[in-house]
Amino acid sequence: MKCPVCGTAELIHDTRDMPYIYKGETTTIPSVTGDFCPACGEVVLNREYGDRYSDLIGQFQRQVDFNSCNNFG
């Protein structure tokens, strides 16, 4: 399948650790399975992995927000 974003490359099905940055804080989301574009970096996730990825990102964002609130008090 061609990348739906850039249309220039075939997507590669793989499992990778994905870096994520939120408010200057960095984490790695482990073992994300999806279709990766080698040209533009887009990732297409199925519903199961998309939901898991979203949940882990949400947890990290809440942790960062909680820590930043505690640093001001």
N, C-alpha and C. Protein backbone atom coordinates (compact mmCIF):
# COMPACT_ATOMS: atom_id res chain seq x y z
N MET A 1 0.85 -1.18 0.00
CA MET A 1 0.00 0.00 0.00
C MET A 1 0.89 1.24 0.00
N LYS A 2 0.54 2.21 -0.81
CA LYS A 2 1.27 3.49 -0.86
C LYS A 2 0.90 4.34 0.35
N CYS A 3 1.84 5.17 0.75
CA CYS A 3 1.61 6.08 1.87
C CYS A 3 0.44 7.01 1.55
N PRO A 4 -0.54 7.13 2.45
CA PRO A 4 -1.67 8.02 2.20
C PRO A 4 -1.32 9.50 2.33
N VAL A 5 -0.17 9.81 2.90
CA VAL A 5 0.23 11.21 3.09
C VAL A 5 1.06 11.71 1.92
N CYS A 6 2.16 11.01 1.64
CA CYS A 6 3.06 11.50 0.58
C CYS A 6 2.85 10.80 -0.75
N GLY A 7 2.32 9.58 -0.72
CA GLY A 7 2.05 8.84 -1.94
C GLY A 7 3.27 8.39 -2.71
N THR A 8 4.45 8.55 -2.13
CA THR A 8 5.67 8.24 -2.89
C THR A 8 6.28 6.89 -2.56
N ALA A 9 5.92 6.29 -1.45
CA ALA A 9 6.59 5.04 -1.05
C ALA A 9 5.58 4.02 -0.58
N GLU A 10 5.98 2.77 -0.67
CA GLU A 10 5.19 1.68 -0.12
C GLU A 10 5.40 1.64 1.40
N LEU A 11 4.32 1.43 2.13
CA LEU A 11 4.41 1.32 3.58
C LEU A 11 5.06 0.00 3.96
N ILE A 12 5.80 0.02 5.05
CA ILE A 12 6.50 -1.16 5.55
C ILE A 12 5.86 -1.56 6.87
N HIS A 13 5.32 -2.79 6.93
CA HIS A 13 4.71 -3.28 8.17
C HIS A 13 5.83 -3.70 9.12
N ASP A 14 5.81 -3.14 10.33
CA ASP A 14 6.91 -3.37 11.26
C ASP A 14 6.44 -3.07 12.68
N THR A 15 7.24 -3.47 13.65
CA THR A 15 7.04 -3.11 15.06
C THR A 15 8.26 -2.33 15.49
N ARG A 16 8.02 -1.12 15.99
CA ARG A 16 9.12 -0.22 16.36
C ARG A 16 8.81 0.50 17.67
N ASP A 17 9.87 0.92 18.34
CA ASP A 17 9.73 1.84 19.47
C ASP A 17 9.65 3.24 18.88
N MET A 18 8.67 4.04 19.33
CA MET A 18 8.47 5.36 18.76
C MET A 18 8.70 6.46 19.79
N PRO A 19 9.59 7.40 19.49
CA PRO A 19 9.80 8.52 20.41
C PRO A 19 8.60 9.45 20.38
N TYR A 20 8.34 10.09 21.52
CA TYR A 20 7.23 11.03 21.62
C TYR A 20 7.67 12.18 22.51
N ILE A 21 7.39 13.41 22.08
CA ILE A 21 7.76 14.61 22.84
C ILE A 21 6.50 15.39 23.16
N TYR A 22 6.38 15.81 24.42
CA TYR A 22 5.25 16.61 24.88
C TYR A 22 5.78 17.65 25.85
N LYS A 23 5.55 18.92 25.54
CA LYS A 23 5.99 20.03 26.38
C LYS A 23 7.47 19.92 26.75
N GLY A 24 8.28 19.50 25.78
CA GLY A 24 9.72 19.41 25.99
C GLY A 24 10.18 18.15 26.69
N GLU A 25 9.27 17.31 27.13
CA GLU A 25 9.60 16.04 27.78
C GLU A 25 9.51 14.92 26.75
N THR A 26 10.44 13.98 26.84
CA THR A 26 10.53 12.91 25.85
C THR A 26 10.30 11.56 26.50
N THR A 27 9.61 10.70 25.77
CA THR A 27 9.44 9.31 26.18
C THR A 27 9.52 8.44 24.94
N THR A 28 9.52 7.15 25.13
CA THR A 28 9.48 6.20 24.03
C THR A 28 8.27 5.30 24.22
N ILE A 29 7.44 5.22 23.21
CA ILE A 29 6.31 4.31 23.22
C ILE A 29 6.83 2.99 22.65
N PRO A 30 6.88 1.92 23.45
CA PRO A 30 7.52 0.68 23.00
C PRO A 30 6.61 -0.17 22.12
N SER A 31 7.22 -0.88 21.21
CA SER A 31 6.58 -1.95 20.44
C SER A 31 5.29 -1.52 19.75
N VAL A 32 5.38 -0.47 18.94
CA VAL A 32 4.24 -0.01 18.16
C VAL A 32 4.25 -0.73 16.82
N THR A 33 3.18 -1.48 16.55
CA THR A 33 3.07 -2.21 15.30
C THR A 33 2.18 -1.42 14.35
N GLY A 34 2.67 -1.20 13.15
CA GLY A 34 1.91 -0.46 12.17
C GLY A 34 2.59 -0.48 10.83
N ASP A 35 2.10 0.36 9.94
CA ASP A 35 2.66 0.50 8.60
C ASP A 35 3.39 1.83 8.54
N PHE A 36 4.69 1.77 8.29
CA PHE A 36 5.57 2.93 8.36
C PHE A 36 6.00 3.35 6.96
N CYS A 37 6.00 4.66 6.71
CA CYS A 37 6.46 5.19 5.42
C CYS A 37 7.94 5.55 5.54
N PRO A 38 8.78 4.94 4.71
CA PRO A 38 10.20 5.26 4.75
C PRO A 38 10.53 6.63 4.15
N ALA A 39 9.59 7.21 3.40
CA ALA A 39 9.85 8.50 2.75
C ALA A 39 9.53 9.69 3.66
N CYS A 40 8.34 9.69 4.27
CA CYS A 40 7.93 10.87 5.03
C CYS A 40 7.80 10.62 6.53
N GLY A 41 7.88 9.35 6.96
CA GLY A 41 7.81 9.05 8.38
C GLY A 41 6.41 8.83 8.92
N GLU A 42 5.40 8.94 8.07
CA GLU A 42 4.02 8.71 8.51
C GLU A 42 3.86 7.28 9.02
N VAL A 43 2.97 7.11 10.00
CA VAL A 43 2.68 5.78 10.54
C VAL A 43 1.17 5.58 10.48
N VAL A 44 0.76 4.45 9.95
CA VAL A 44 -0.65 4.08 9.90
C VAL A 44 -0.85 2.92 10.87
N LEU A 45 -1.72 3.13 11.86
CA LEU A 45 -1.97 2.12 12.88
C LEU A 45 -3.37 1.56 12.72
N ASN A 46 -3.53 0.25 13.01
CA ASN A 46 -4.88 -0.28 13.03
C ASN A 46 -5.55 0.17 14.33
N ARG A 47 -6.81 -0.15 14.49
CA ARG A 47 -7.56 0.35 15.64
C ARG A 47 -6.95 -0.11 16.97
N GLU A 48 -6.60 -1.38 17.05
CA GLU A 48 -6.05 -1.92 18.31
C GLU A 48 -4.77 -1.20 18.71
N TYR A 49 -3.83 -1.08 17.79
CA TYR A 49 -2.57 -0.42 18.11
C TYR A 49 -2.74 1.09 18.22
N GLY A 50 -3.66 1.65 17.46
CA GLY A 50 -3.94 3.08 17.58
C GLY A 50 -4.49 3.43 18.95
N ASP A 51 -5.41 2.59 19.45
CA ASP A 51 -5.97 2.81 20.78
C ASP A 51 -4.90 2.67 21.85
N ARG A 52 -4.04 1.66 21.73
CA ARG A 52 -2.96 1.46 22.70
C ARG A 52 -2.00 2.65 22.69
N TYR A 53 -1.62 3.10 21.49
CA TYR A 53 -0.72 4.24 21.35
C TYR A 53 -1.33 5.49 21.98
N SER A 54 -2.61 5.74 21.69
CA SER A 54 -3.29 6.91 22.26
C SER A 54 -3.35 6.84 23.78
N ASP A 55 -3.63 5.65 24.32
CA ASP A 55 -3.68 5.49 25.77
C ASP A 55 -2.33 5.80 26.42
N LEU A 56 -1.25 5.27 25.83
CA LEU A 56 0.09 5.50 26.40
C LEU A 56 0.50 6.96 26.30
N ILE A 57 0.16 7.61 25.19
CA ILE A 57 0.45 9.04 25.04
C ILE A 57 -0.33 9.84 26.08
N GLY A 58 -1.60 9.50 26.26
CA GLY A 58 -2.42 10.19 27.26
C GLY A 58 -1.85 10.06 28.66
N GLN A 59 -1.39 8.86 29.01
CA GLN A 59 -0.77 8.65 30.32
C GLN A 59 0.47 9.52 30.49
N PHE A 60 1.29 9.58 29.45
CA PHE A 60 2.51 10.39 29.52
C PHE A 60 2.17 11.87 29.64
N GLN A 61 1.19 12.34 28.88
CA GLN A 61 0.80 13.75 28.96
C GLN A 61 0.28 14.10 30.35
N ARG A 62 -0.52 13.23 30.93
CA ARG A 62 -1.02 13.49 32.29
C ARG A 62 0.12 13.54 33.30
N GLN A 63 1.10 12.65 33.13
CA GLN A 63 2.26 12.63 34.03
C GLN A 63 3.05 13.93 33.90
N VAL A 64 3.28 14.39 32.68
CA VAL A 64 4.02 15.63 32.46
C VAL A 64 3.25 16.81 33.04
N ASP A 65 1.94 16.85 32.79
CA ASP A 65 1.12 17.95 33.31
C ASP A 65 1.11 17.94 34.84
N PHE A 66 1.00 16.77 35.45
CA PHE A 66 1.00 16.66 36.90
C PHE A 66 2.33 17.15 37.47
N ASN A 67 3.43 16.71 36.86
CA ASN A 67 4.75 17.12 37.34
C ASN A 67 4.96 18.62 37.19
N SER A 68 4.46 19.21 36.10
CA SER A 68 4.66 20.65 35.91
C SER A 68 3.82 21.45 36.90
N CYS A 69 2.64 20.95 37.26
CA CYS A 69 1.81 21.64 38.27
C CYS A 69 2.49 21.59 39.64
N ASN A 70 3.10 20.47 39.96
CA ASN A 70 3.76 20.34 41.26
C ASN A 70 5.03 21.17 41.35
N ASN A 71 5.64 21.49 40.23
CA ASN A 71 6.85 22.31 40.24
C ASN A 71 6.55 23.77 40.53
N PHE A 72 5.28 24.19 40.38
CA PHE A 72 4.93 25.59 40.62
C PHE A 72 4.39 25.81 42.03
N GLY A 73 4.14 24.75 42.76
CA GLY A 73 3.49 24.92 44.04
C GLY A 73 4.41 24.75 45.17
